Amino acid sequence: MPLTVGTAGHIDHGKTWLVRALTGKDTDRLPEEQSRGISIDLGYAPLELPDGRTLSLVDVPGHERFVRTMVAGATGIDLFLLVIDAGEGARPQTHEHLAILRLLGVNRGVVAVTKADAVEPEALELVLEEARELVPQSAVVAVSAKTRAGLDDLRRALARVAVSEARDEAPARLYVDRVFTLRGIGTVVTGTLWSGRIAPGDNLRAEPTGMDVRVRSVQVHDREVDAADAGQRVAVSLPGVQRHDLRRGDVLVEPGAYQLTYRLDVELDELAPIPPRALVHHGTSAALARVVRAGRFAQLRLDAPVVAARGDRVVLRAGTTVGGGLILDATPPRHADLERFERTAAGEALVHAPVRDEAGRWVYSDAWLAELRAELEALLDAADPLDPGAPAPAEPWAAEVLQRLGLERRGARIYRPGAVGSLGEREDEAVELEARLGLEPVKVDDGTLARFLEQQQRLVRVGDGYAISTAAYESARDILVQECGDAGRITLARFRDLLGTSRKTTQLLLERFDADGLTRRIGDERVLRRAAARTGS
């Protein structure tokens, strides 16, 4: 089963140099990293073990300013490679990185004491002993990236801890940590595949944007594969997606398998007093949250949505790392009920947001339905009287639930039963607009008003944000049909002369006739479509 190892440790302790010595790849790819000699962003490389297996390796920055980036790289890893400088010993970021690893449940790994060639044997032994006390369950290996001493021992130590553990069967979930474009390929996203499989041709959903994407190709360790499995570092090319459409923190998921949530129920692991507001790191995202405590539990109320699942872990930071939490419920109701926390911690599955039961039916709580009803009613109350609808939920449960709420779906929008648009207080504005309309297009800044009046047959929209009167449209249409009936076709210049108007106005009218299915353009001429020719209009 594929595994991913992540580095950890203080700045300048030699993580990137060690990775280069182990893999032959320089993970400092940014010009600023190379000029300053420090890691700023995440780096990636394949690491071959003595037994022929290959680990995916994530190299993280060590500076305290980049802890957020470090957490994004550490989420989803299986093993750690903690790096300690033989000349300095454990430093502040050594301890914080190790704490973050423990909060994320990453307990297996190896400690590498680097730059062993640069200190006396007695000093080296002191740092080795310090490392053993710091991480007593892990092997500690003295190495030198410069002389390559100890590298084989380090690879063997990693091979011993790189033992696959059973993963829960779950739909595909890949948290994005990099987005870039390649010539001839297009947009590519990378990340560690937390669960499931991803293969070329798969249709996935990018959250929280809600964008549907299709996988063109999949690479693992710079090689195309038929499918990527959970635990692997994956690069996925997405045709039709622009680089700016996605960013670090987004997630690719199997459609309908996960829900966006603004609330997480967690069992806390407290390192220091956790303030009422904290930065919550989950996957490769970070969002501010209110921390609503109930004993050893808390509900994290986020200011941005995430995709999470029971059993995931989060890290809480407030200037420094103050703790973490094990997610008990990824879609809970708004509450601070200690009994509910304890029941979910004991393994009881309390349904709130919709999930499918064994028979494939949607089940959800009455509290969730009430929340959704209130949310949709608020949207409808705030809707423009011209279009008293709101965007319909796009989730798979929408058709069933909207029917239960008694709302009508019309295309991609929802309405109260029988709701129709009305001008209301804007009738005078509509009358004034109509009075200005004729054959020459008039700019209408309010597109909603223009669409409404067109539905009422009080104007005709042409071009981008312009309108003419209904009478002018019908008169121009009659002239065009008559000319095409007599001559068989019409040019823009001929139509302009017949109307006695400008070239721009004529062009807008012809484009509208094309869109209405009245005419068809052939070169510089228009002809009537067959249906229009048969009816004469």
Protein backbone atom coordinates (compact mmCIF):
# COMPACT_ATOMS: atom_id res chain seq x y z
CA MET A 1 0.00 0.00 0.00
CA PRO A 2 1.44 3.45 -0.93
CA LEU A 3 2.86 5.63 1.85
CA THR A 4 3.92 9.25 2.16
CA VAL A 5 6.71 10.54 4.41
CA GLY A 6 7.01 14.18 5.45
CA THR A 7 10.01 16.05 6.78
CA ALA A 8 9.87 18.13 9.96
CA GLY A 9 12.32 20.26 11.90
CA HIS A 10 13.78 23.69 12.59
CA ILE A 11 14.99 26.05 9.88
CA ASP A 12 18.57 25.47 8.63
CA HIS A 13 18.78 22.00 10.18
CA GLY A 14 19.39 20.51 6.73
CA LYS A 15 16.04 19.03 5.71
CA THR A 16 16.29 19.97 2.04
CA TRP A 17 19.97 19.01 1.80
CA LEU A 18 19.11 15.62 3.31
CA VAL A 19 16.23 15.15 0.86
CA ARG A 20 18.56 15.98 -2.02
CA ALA A 21 21.12 13.43 -0.76
CA LEU A 22 18.44 10.75 -0.34
CA THR A 23 16.52 11.31 -3.59
CA GLY A 24 18.82 13.20 -5.94
CA LYS A 25 16.16 15.89 -6.32
CA ASP A 26 16.36 19.52 -5.17
CA THR A 27 12.94 20.35 -3.72
CA ASP A 28 13.72 24.09 -3.48
CA ARG A 29 12.27 24.99 -6.89
CA LEU A 30 11.44 28.69 -6.35
CA PRO A 31 14.07 31.33 -7.29
CA GLU A 32 13.58 33.00 -3.89
CA GLU A 33 14.28 29.70 -2.12
CA GLN A 34 17.47 29.18 -4.08
CA SER A 35 18.70 32.77 -3.57
CA ARG A 36 17.92 32.85 0.17
CA GLY A 37 18.92 29.27 0.87
CA ILE A 38 15.75 28.45 2.82
CA SER A 39 12.59 26.52 2.00
CA ILE A 40 9.47 28.65 1.63
CA ASP A 41 6.98 26.31 -0.01
CA LEU A 42 6.37 22.58 -0.08
CA GLY A 43 8.69 20.34 -2.08
CA TYR A 44 8.18 16.82 -3.37
CA ALA A 45 10.35 13.88 -4.38
CA PRO A 46 10.18 10.06 -4.67
CA LEU A 47 12.31 8.20 -2.13
CA GLU A 48 13.46 4.69 -3.05
CA LEU A 49 13.93 2.22 -0.19
CA PRO A 50 16.44 -0.65 -0.09
CA ASP A 51 13.67 -3.23 -0.58
CA GLY A 52 12.55 -1.65 -3.89
CA ARG A 53 9.53 0.22 -2.55
CA THR A 54 9.12 3.93 -3.24
CA LEU A 55 7.81 6.45 -0.72
CA SER A 56 6.29 9.79 -1.67
CA LEU A 57 8.25 12.45 0.21
CA VAL A 58 7.00 15.92 1.18
CA ASP A 59 9.64 18.46 2.25
CA VAL A 60 8.28 21.28 4.44
CA PRO A 61 9.74 24.69 5.37
CA GLY A 62 11.19 25.03 8.87
CA HIS A 63 10.79 28.77 9.51
CA GLU A 64 8.20 29.74 12.11
CA ARG A 65 6.59 32.11 9.57
CA PHE A 66 5.75 29.12 7.38
CA VAL A 67 4.13 26.82 9.96
CA ARG A 68 0.84 27.14 8.06
CA THR A 69 2.60 25.74 4.98
CA MET A 70 4.19 23.02 7.10
CA VAL A 71 0.77 21.88 8.36
CA ALA A 72 -0.58 21.81 4.79
CA GLY A 73 2.29 19.49 3.84
CA ALA A 74 2.01 17.30 6.94
CA THR A 75 -1.69 16.50 6.58
CA GLY A 76 -2.19 13.19 4.86
CA ILE A 77 1.33 11.85 5.50
CA ASP A 78 1.89 8.43 7.05
CA LEU A 79 5.45 8.76 8.38
CA PHE A 80 7.74 11.55 9.55
CA LEU A 81 11.40 12.24 9.00
CA LEU A 82 12.34 14.58 11.86
CA VAL A 83 15.60 16.42 11.19
CA ILE A 84 17.80 17.78 14.02
CA ASP A 85 21.09 19.62 13.52
CA ALA A 86 23.94 17.89 15.36
CA GLY A 87 25.45 21.29 16.11
CA GLU A 88 22.30 22.83 17.61
CA GLY A 89 20.07 20.08 18.93
CA ALA A 90 16.31 20.47 19.19
CA ARG A 91 15.09 24.02 18.61
CA PRO A 92 11.65 25.74 18.87
CA GLN A 93 10.35 24.58 15.49
CA THR A 94 11.61 21.06 16.21
CA HIS A 95 9.25 20.94 19.16
CA GLU A 96 6.33 22.65 17.36
CA HIS A 97 6.63 20.44 14.28
CA LEU A 98 6.75 17.34 16.48
CA ALA A 99 3.67 18.53 18.36
CA ILE A 100 1.82 19.09 15.07
CA LEU A 101 2.72 15.58 13.90
CA ARG A 102 1.34 14.09 17.11
CA LEU A 103 -1.85 16.15 16.83
CA LEU A 104 -2.30 14.82 13.30
CA GLY A 105 -1.87 11.25 14.51
CA VAL A 106 1.44 10.75 12.70
CA ASN A 107 3.31 8.68 15.28
CA ARG A 108 5.63 6.57 13.14
CA GLY A 109 8.88 7.86 11.77
CA VAL A 110 12.63 8.26 12.01
CA VAL A 111 14.83 11.00 13.47
CA ALA A 112 17.85 12.06 11.40
CA VAL A 113 20.61 13.93 13.23
CA THR A 114 22.20 15.86 10.37
CA LYS A 115 25.63 17.46 9.85
CA ALA A 116 27.20 14.69 11.94
CA ASP A 117 30.51 15.30 10.20
CA ALA A 118 30.66 18.88 11.53
CA VAL A 119 30.81 18.10 15.29
CA GLU A 120 33.00 16.14 17.66
CA PRO A 121 31.90 12.57 18.52
CA GLU A 122 31.08 13.57 22.12
CA ALA A 123 28.85 16.44 20.98
CA LEU A 124 27.15 14.17 18.45
CA GLU A 125 26.37 11.59 21.11
CA LEU A 126 24.72 14.26 23.30
CA VAL A 127 22.38 15.28 20.48
CA LEU A 128 21.62 11.64 19.63
CA GLU A 129 20.65 11.05 23.25
CA GLU A 130 18.50 14.19 23.26
CA ALA A 131 16.71 12.95 20.15
CA ARG A 132 16.07 9.53 21.70
CA GLU A 133 14.51 11.19 24.73
CA LEU A 134 12.44 13.53 22.54
CA VAL A 135 11.06 10.74 20.33
CA PRO A 136 11.60 7.54 22.34
CA GLN A 137 9.56 5.32 20.01
CA SER A 138 11.59 6.17 16.90
CA ALA A 139 14.96 5.16 15.50
CA VAL A 140 17.61 7.89 15.61
CA VAL A 141 20.25 7.92 12.87
CA ALA A 142 23.30 10.16 12.55
CA VAL A 143 23.83 11.30 8.94
CA SER A 144 25.78 13.70 6.79
CA ALA A 145 24.40 14.94 3.49
CA LYS A 146 27.88 16.24 2.67
CA THR A 147 29.82 12.98 3.15
CA ARG A 148 26.75 10.72 2.65
CA ALA A 149 27.61 8.90 5.86
CA GLY A 150 24.59 7.21 7.43
CA LEU A 151 22.28 7.58 4.42
CA ASP A 152 21.98 3.82 3.88
CA ASP A 153 21.22 3.35 7.59
CA LEU A 154 18.56 6.04 7.32
CA ARG A 155 16.94 4.35 4.32
CA ARG A 156 16.87 1.01 6.18
CA ALA A 157 15.32 2.69 9.24
CA LEU A 158 12.62 4.25 7.06
CA ALA A 159 11.95 0.88 5.42
CA ARG A 160 11.39 -0.70 8.85
CA VAL A 161 8.72 1.84 9.86
CA ALA A 162 7.14 2.02 6.39
CA VAL A 163 4.61 -0.66 7.20
CA SER A 164 1.24 -0.24 5.55
CA GLU A 165 -1.82 -0.05 7.74
CA ALA A 166 -5.32 -0.84 6.60
CA ARG A 167 -7.17 2.21 5.32
CA ASP A 168 -10.90 2.67 5.61
CA GLU A 169 -12.70 2.23 2.31
CA ALA A 170 -13.93 5.70 1.40
CA PRO A 171 -14.66 7.70 -1.75
CA ALA A 172 -11.89 9.70 -3.43
CA ARG A 173 -10.64 12.77 -1.57
CA LEU A 174 -7.55 14.74 -2.62
CA TYR A 175 -6.61 17.99 -0.87
CA VAL A 176 -4.89 20.37 -3.28
CA ASP A 177 -1.53 21.78 -2.23
CA ARG A 178 -0.29 23.03 -5.62
CA VAL A 179 -1.86 24.39 -8.82
CA PHE A 180 0.15 25.15 -11.95
CA THR A 181 0.03 24.97 -15.73
CA LEU A 182 2.19 23.01 -18.16
CA ARG A 183 2.52 23.71 -21.87
CA GLY A 184 0.50 21.22 -23.87
CA ILE A 185 -1.16 19.78 -20.76
CA GLY A 186 -3.00 22.67 -19.11
CA THR A 187 -3.88 23.02 -15.46
CA VAL A 188 -2.41 20.47 -13.04
CA VAL A 189 -3.17 20.06 -9.34
CA THR A 190 -1.16 18.02 -6.88
CA GLY A 191 -1.81 16.64 -3.42
CA THR A 192 -1.79 13.55 -1.26
CA LEU A 193 -4.71 11.24 -2.01
CA TRP A 194 -6.37 10.72 1.38
CA SER A 195 -8.80 8.04 0.29
CA GLY A 196 -10.23 6.24 -2.72
CA ARG A 197 -8.71 6.03 -6.21
CA ILE A 198 -8.38 8.52 -9.05
CA ALA A 199 -8.02 7.45 -12.68
CA PRO A 200 -8.05 9.14 -16.10
CA GLY A 201 -11.61 9.81 -17.22
CA ASP A 202 -12.98 10.18 -13.68
CA ASN A 203 -15.45 12.96 -13.05
CA LEU A 204 -14.76 14.75 -9.78
CA ARG A 205 -16.08 17.79 -7.97
CA ALA A 206 -13.83 20.63 -6.79
CA GLU A 207 -14.93 22.05 -3.46
CA PRO A 208 -15.73 24.54 -2.10
CA THR A 209 -16.17 26.09 -5.57
CA GLY A 210 -18.64 23.37 -6.61
CA MET A 211 -16.93 23.03 -10.00
CA ASP A 212 -17.31 19.75 -11.88
CA VAL A 213 -13.98 18.61 -13.38
CA ARG A 214 -12.79 15.71 -15.51
CA VAL A 215 -9.45 13.97 -15.03
CA ARG A 216 -7.41 13.76 -18.23
CA SER A 217 -4.31 12.06 -16.81
CA VAL A 218 -2.81 10.99 -13.48
CA GLN A 219 0.86 10.93 -12.51
CA VAL A 220 2.64 9.46 -9.50
CA HIS A 221 6.35 10.30 -9.12
CA ASP A 222 6.35 12.02 -12.54
CA ARG A 223 5.07 8.89 -14.31
CA GLU A 224 1.64 8.41 -15.82
CA VAL A 225 -0.38 5.68 -14.13
CA ASP A 226 -3.68 3.94 -14.85
CA ALA A 227 -4.90 4.88 -11.36
CA ALA A 228 -3.58 6.46 -8.16
CA ASP A 229 -4.35 4.90 -4.78
CA ALA A 230 -4.83 6.39 -1.33
CA GLY A 231 -1.55 7.39 0.31
CA GLN A 232 0.20 8.44 -2.89
CA ARG A 233 1.38 11.86 -3.97
CA VAL A 234 -0.67 12.54 -7.09
CA ALA A 235 -0.60 15.02 -9.97
CA VAL A 236 -3.90 15.33 -11.85
CA SER A 237 -4.40 17.24 -15.12
CA LEU A 238 -7.80 18.90 -15.48
CA PRO A 239 -8.77 20.05 -19.01
CA GLY A 240 -10.98 23.11 -19.26
CA VAL A 241 -9.93 24.42 -15.84
CA GLN A 242 -8.01 27.68 -15.48
CA ARG A 243 -5.16 28.00 -13.01
CA HIS A 244 -6.99 30.69 -11.05
CA ASP A 245 -10.09 28.48 -10.67
CA LEU A 246 -8.40 26.37 -7.97
CA ARG A 247 -5.97 27.02 -5.13
CA ARG A 248 -4.28 25.37 -2.17
CA GLY A 249 -6.95 24.33 0.32
CA ASP A 250 -9.46 23.16 -2.30
CA VAL A 251 -10.33 19.48 -2.49
CA LEU A 252 -11.22 17.09 -5.32
CA VAL A 253 -13.88 14.58 -4.30
CA GLU A 254 -16.13 11.94 -5.75
CA PRO A 255 -19.38 13.78 -6.62
CA GLY A 256 -22.05 13.45 -3.95
CA ALA A 257 -19.77 11.66 -1.50
CA TYR A 258 -18.94 14.54 0.85
CA GLN A 259 -20.70 17.65 2.04
CA LEU A 260 -19.39 21.12 2.66
CA THR A 261 -19.63 22.08 6.31
CA TYR A 262 -19.15 25.17 8.43
CA ARG A 263 -19.22 23.21 11.69
CA LEU A 264 -17.06 20.43 13.13
CA ASP A 265 -17.58 18.58 16.41
CA VAL A 266 -14.18 17.58 17.81
CA GLU A 267 -12.60 15.96 20.83
CA LEU A 268 -9.83 18.33 21.83
CA ASP A 269 -6.17 17.62 22.45
CA GLU A 270 -5.05 20.73 24.31
CA LEU A 271 -1.39 21.79 24.41
CA ALA A 272 -2.06 25.29 25.79
CA PRO A 273 -5.20 27.26 26.66
CA ILE A 274 -7.34 27.39 23.51
CA PRO A 275 -8.85 30.86 22.95
CA PRO A 276 -12.46 31.46 21.85
CA ARG A 277 -11.21 32.04 18.29
CA ALA A 278 -8.49 30.05 16.58
CA LEU A 279 -7.15 29.17 13.16
CA VAL A 280 -8.28 25.67 12.21
CA HIS A 281 -6.01 23.70 9.88
CA HIS A 282 -7.66 20.81 8.06
CA GLY A 283 -6.41 19.15 4.90
CA THR A 284 -4.47 21.86 3.12
CA SER A 285 -6.88 24.63 4.19
CA ALA A 286 -6.94 27.00 7.13
CA ALA A 287 -10.01 28.87 8.38
CA LEU A 288 -10.80 31.01 11.40
CA ALA A 289 -13.34 29.54 13.77
CA ARG A 290 -15.20 30.18 16.97
CA VAL A 291 -14.35 27.48 19.50
CA VAL A 292 -17.48 26.59 21.49
CA ARG A 293 -16.33 24.40 24.40
CA ALA A 294 -18.17 21.66 26.25
CA GLY A 295 -15.65 20.01 28.57
CA ARG A 296 -13.04 18.17 26.55
CA PHE A 297 -15.10 18.68 23.41
CA ALA A 298 -15.76 21.67 21.19
CA GLN A 299 -17.75 22.70 18.17
CA LEU A 300 -15.63 24.62 15.68
CA ARG A 301 -17.79 27.16 13.84
CA LEU A 302 -15.80 28.06 10.73
CA ASP A 303 -15.89 31.23 8.66
CA ALA A 304 -15.23 29.23 5.48
CA PRO A 305 -16.54 25.80 4.46
CA VAL A 306 -14.45 22.62 4.46
CA VAL A 307 -14.87 19.02 3.33
CA ALA A 308 -14.21 16.73 6.27
CA ALA A 309 -15.10 13.29 7.60
CA ARG A 310 -15.34 11.60 10.96
CA GLY A 311 -11.89 10.51 12.12
CA ASP A 312 -10.04 13.39 10.43
CA ARG A 313 -7.78 15.51 12.61
CA VAL A 314 -7.40 19.26 12.85
CA VAL A 315 -4.69 21.53 14.23
CA LEU A 316 -5.59 24.70 16.16
CA ARG A 317 -3.25 27.68 16.13
CA ALA A 318 -3.42 31.11 17.77
CA GLY A 319 -0.02 32.65 17.17
CA THR A 320 1.44 29.26 17.98
CA THR A 321 0.06 25.72 18.01
CA VAL A 322 -2.34 25.47 20.96
CA GLY A 323 -3.89 22.08 20.27
CA GLY A 324 -5.81 19.93 17.88
CA GLY A 325 -8.84 17.74 17.67
CA LEU A 326 -10.28 14.48 16.40
CA ILE A 327 -13.41 15.06 14.31
CA LEU A 328 -16.38 13.23 15.77
CA ASP A 329 -19.05 14.68 13.48
CA ALA A 330 -18.31 16.57 10.26
CA THR A 331 -21.86 17.83 9.70
CA PRO A 332 -23.35 18.46 13.16
CA PRO A 333 -26.21 20.77 14.08
CA ARG A 334 -25.37 23.99 15.89
CA HIS A 335 -25.11 22.93 19.53
CA ALA A 336 -22.97 22.74 22.67
CA ASP A 337 -24.61 19.63 24.08
CA LEU A 338 -22.16 17.60 26.18
CA GLU A 339 -24.36 14.50 25.95
CA ARG A 340 -24.34 14.63 22.16
CA PHE A 341 -20.55 15.01 22.14
CA GLU A 342 -20.15 12.01 24.44
CA ARG A 343 -22.49 9.86 22.36
CA THR A 344 -20.60 10.59 19.14
CA ALA A 345 -17.27 10.03 20.93
CA ALA A 346 -18.56 6.61 21.99
CA GLY A 347 -19.12 5.75 18.34
CA GLU A 348 -22.83 6.45 18.01
CA ALA A 349 -23.70 7.78 14.56
CA LEU A 350 -26.07 10.72 14.96
CA VAL A 351 -27.40 11.81 11.58
CA HIS A 352 -27.83 15.52 10.98
CA ALA A 353 -27.11 16.44 7.35
CA PRO A 354 -28.32 14.08 4.60
CA VAL A 355 -26.68 10.68 4.15
CA ARG A 356 -27.90 7.64 2.26
CA ASP A 357 -29.00 4.63 4.26
CA GLU A 358 -28.40 1.02 3.23
CA ALA A 359 -31.46 1.15 0.98
CA GLY A 360 -30.12 4.22 -0.81
CA ARG A 361 -32.66 6.61 0.72
CA TRP A 362 -31.73 10.04 2.02
CA VAL A 363 -31.99 10.36 5.80
CA TYR A 364 -31.48 13.57 7.78
CA SER A 365 -32.58 15.15 11.01
CA ASP A 366 -35.60 17.42 11.48
CA ALA A 367 -33.19 20.03 12.88
CA TRP A 368 -31.19 20.00 9.64
CA LEU A 369 -34.36 20.33 7.58
CA ALA A 370 -35.45 23.29 9.73
CA GLU A 371 -32.05 24.93 9.23
CA LEU A 372 -32.27 24.48 5.46
CA ARG A 373 -35.85 25.79 5.39
CA ALA A 374 -34.81 28.91 7.31
CA GLU A 375 -31.80 29.46 5.03
CA LEU A 376 -33.84 29.14 1.82
CA GLU A 377 -36.71 31.24 3.15
CA ALA A 378 -34.24 34.00 4.01
CA LEU A 379 -32.89 33.90 0.45
CA LEU A 380 -36.41 34.06 -1.00
CA ASP A 381 -37.37 36.93 1.34
CA ALA A 382 -34.35 38.88 0.08
CA ALA A 383 -34.99 38.10 -3.59
CA ASP A 384 -35.63 40.82 -6.17
CA PRO A 385 -39.42 41.22 -6.75
CA LEU A 386 -38.70 41.05 -10.49
CA ASP A 387 -37.38 37.51 -10.01
CA PRO A 388 -38.57 36.22 -6.61
CA GLY A 389 -36.42 33.08 -6.76
CA ALA A 390 -33.08 31.91 -5.38
CA PRO A 391 -30.34 29.52 -6.60
CA ALA A 392 -31.36 25.91 -6.05
CA PRO A 393 -29.08 23.69 -3.95
CA ALA A 394 -26.86 21.60 -6.23
CA GLU A 395 -26.38 18.67 -3.84
CA PRO A 396 -27.66 15.19 -4.81
CA TRP A 397 -30.40 15.33 -2.15
CA ALA A 398 -31.89 18.55 -3.56
CA ALA A 399 -34.74 17.05 -5.65
CA GLU A 400 -36.16 15.03 -2.76
CA VAL A 401 -35.71 17.64 -0.05
CA LEU A 402 -37.04 20.61 -2.03
CA GLN A 403 -40.22 18.69 -2.74
CA ARG A 404 -40.64 18.07 0.98
CA LEU A 405 -40.16 21.78 1.66
CA GLY A 406 -42.93 22.58 -0.79
CA LEU A 407 -40.74 24.69 -3.06
CA GLU A 408 -40.92 24.75 -6.85
CA ARG A 409 -37.80 24.21 -8.96
CA ARG A 410 -37.65 26.10 -12.24
CA GLY A 411 -34.40 25.37 -14.00
CA ALA A 412 -31.54 26.21 -11.66
CA ARG A 413 -33.70 28.31 -9.30
CA ILE A 414 -36.31 27.70 -6.62
CA TYR A 415 -39.54 29.60 -5.98
CA ARG A 416 -42.45 29.57 -3.59
CA PRO A 417 -45.46 27.88 -5.24
CA GLY A 418 -47.04 30.16 -7.82
CA ALA A 419 -44.55 32.98 -7.26
CA VAL A 420 -44.28 35.38 -10.20
CA GLY A 421 -42.26 38.51 -10.72
CA SER A 422 -43.79 41.96 -10.34
CA LEU A 423 -42.62 45.52 -10.84
CA GLY A 424 -44.20 46.85 -7.68
CA GLU A 425 -42.69 50.24 -6.90
CA ARG A 426 -40.65 50.14 -10.14
CA GLU A 427 -43.65 50.54 -12.46
CA ASP A 428 -42.93 54.25 -12.97
CA GLU A 429 -39.29 53.41 -13.83
CA ALA A 430 -40.49 50.85 -16.39
CA VAL A 431 -42.93 53.32 -17.98
CA GLU A 432 -40.18 55.96 -18.26
CA LEU A 433 -37.85 53.41 -19.91
CA GLU A 434 -40.53 52.33 -22.40
CA ALA A 435 -41.11 55.97 -23.36
CA ARG A 436 -37.46 56.26 -24.44
CA LEU A 437 -37.46 53.12 -26.58
CA GLY A 438 -37.67 53.09 -30.35
CA LEU A 439 -35.56 51.64 -33.15
CA GLU A 440 -32.28 53.08 -31.83
CA PRO A 441 -30.98 50.82 -28.99
CA VAL A 442 -31.10 52.32 -25.49
CA LYS A 443 -28.65 51.22 -22.78
CA VAL A 444 -30.41 49.46 -19.86
CA ASP A 445 -28.10 49.06 -16.88
CA ASP A 446 -30.46 46.82 -14.90
CA GLY A 447 -30.40 43.45 -16.67
CA THR A 448 -33.02 41.96 -14.35
CA LEU A 449 -35.47 44.74 -15.18
CA ALA A 450 -34.79 44.32 -18.91
CA ARG A 451 -35.40 40.56 -18.78
CA PHE A 452 -38.63 41.06 -16.84
CA LEU A 453 -39.99 43.65 -19.28
CA GLU A 454 -39.04 41.45 -22.22
CA GLN A 455 -40.97 38.55 -20.65
CA GLN A 456 -43.92 40.96 -20.45
CA GLN A 457 -43.39 41.81 -24.16
CA ARG A 458 -42.74 45.45 -23.28
CA LEU A 459 -39.29 45.61 -24.92
CA VAL A 460 -36.78 43.52 -26.89
CA ARG A 461 -33.19 43.13 -25.73
CA VAL A 462 -30.42 43.47 -28.31
CA GLY A 463 -26.66 43.28 -27.95
CA ASP A 464 -25.06 43.48 -24.52
CA GLY A 465 -27.34 45.52 -22.26
CA TYR A 466 -29.38 47.38 -24.89
CA ALA A 467 -33.08 47.36 -25.76
CA ILE A 468 -35.51 48.58 -28.42
CA SER A 469 -39.28 48.85 -28.46
CA THR A 470 -41.42 45.87 -29.34
CA ALA A 471 -43.05 47.83 -32.16
CA ALA A 472 -39.66 48.73 -33.67
CA TYR A 473 -38.55 45.11 -33.50
CA GLU A 474 -41.69 43.87 -35.23
CA SER A 475 -41.47 46.56 -37.94
CA ALA A 476 -37.80 45.73 -38.64
CA ARG A 477 -38.63 42.03 -38.75
CA ASP A 478 -41.43 42.61 -41.29
CA ILE A 479 -39.10 44.64 -43.52
CA LEU A 480 -36.43 41.92 -43.36
CA VAL A 481 -38.91 39.12 -44.14
CA GLN A 482 -40.37 41.09 -47.07
CA GLU A 483 -36.91 41.76 -48.56
CA CYS A 484 -35.77 38.16 -48.14
CA GLY A 485 -39.01 36.99 -49.71
CA ASP A 486 -38.42 39.19 -52.73
CA ALA A 487 -34.62 38.90 -53.14
CA GLY A 488 -33.94 35.59 -51.38
CA ARG A 489 -31.29 37.12 -49.14
CA ILE A 490 -30.22 40.39 -47.53
CA THR A 491 -26.93 42.10 -46.67
CA LEU A 492 -26.23 44.32 -43.71
CA ALA A 493 -25.81 47.34 -45.98
CA ARG A 494 -29.14 46.71 -47.75
CA PHE A 495 -30.98 46.26 -44.44
CA ARG A 496 -29.38 49.45 -43.08
CA ASP A 497 -30.63 51.40 -46.09
CA LEU A 498 -34.14 49.96 -45.78
CA LEU A 499 -34.29 50.91 -42.09
CA GLY A 500 -32.54 54.24 -42.51
CA THR A 501 -30.46 53.68 -39.40
CA SER A 502 -26.83 53.18 -38.41
CA ARG A 503 -24.63 50.20 -39.17
CA LYS A 504 -24.31 49.40 -35.42
CA THR A 505 -28.08 49.31 -34.91
CA THR A 506 -28.52 47.15 -38.00
CA GLN A 507 -25.84 44.73 -36.79
CA LEU A 508 -27.54 44.37 -33.38
CA LEU A 509 -30.90 43.66 -35.02
CA LEU A 510 -29.48 41.06 -37.38
CA GLU A 511 -27.71 39.28 -34.52
CA ARG A 512 -31.01 39.20 -32.60
CA PHE A 513 -32.83 37.77 -35.62
CA ASP A 514 -30.12 35.10 -35.88
CA ALA A 515 -30.55 34.27 -32.17
CA ASP A 516 -34.33 34.09 -32.54
CA GLY A 517 -33.98 31.53 -35.33
CA LEU A 518 -35.44 33.84 -37.96
CA THR A 519 -32.32 34.15 -40.11
CA ARG A 520 -29.12 32.29 -40.84
CA ARG A 521 -25.85 33.99 -41.77
CA ILE A 522 -24.02 32.82 -44.89
CA GLY A 523 -20.87 34.87 -45.41
CA ASP A 524 -21.90 38.54 -45.50
CA GLU A 525 -25.56 37.75 -46.19
CA ARG A 526 -28.59 36.49 -44.30
CA VAL A 527 -31.28 34.13 -45.51
CA LEU A 528 -34.53 33.14 -43.86
CA ARG A 529 -34.51 29.84 -42.08
CA ARG A 530 -36.92 27.31 -43.59
CA ALA A 531 -39.51 27.57 -40.85
CA ALA A 532 -39.52 31.38 -41.11
CA ALA A 533 -39.70 31.24 -44.91
CA ARG A 534 -42.69 28.88 -44.78
CA THR A 535 -44.65 31.04 -42.33
CA GLY A 536 -43.54 34.35 -43.81
CA SER A 537 -42.61 35.70 -40.38
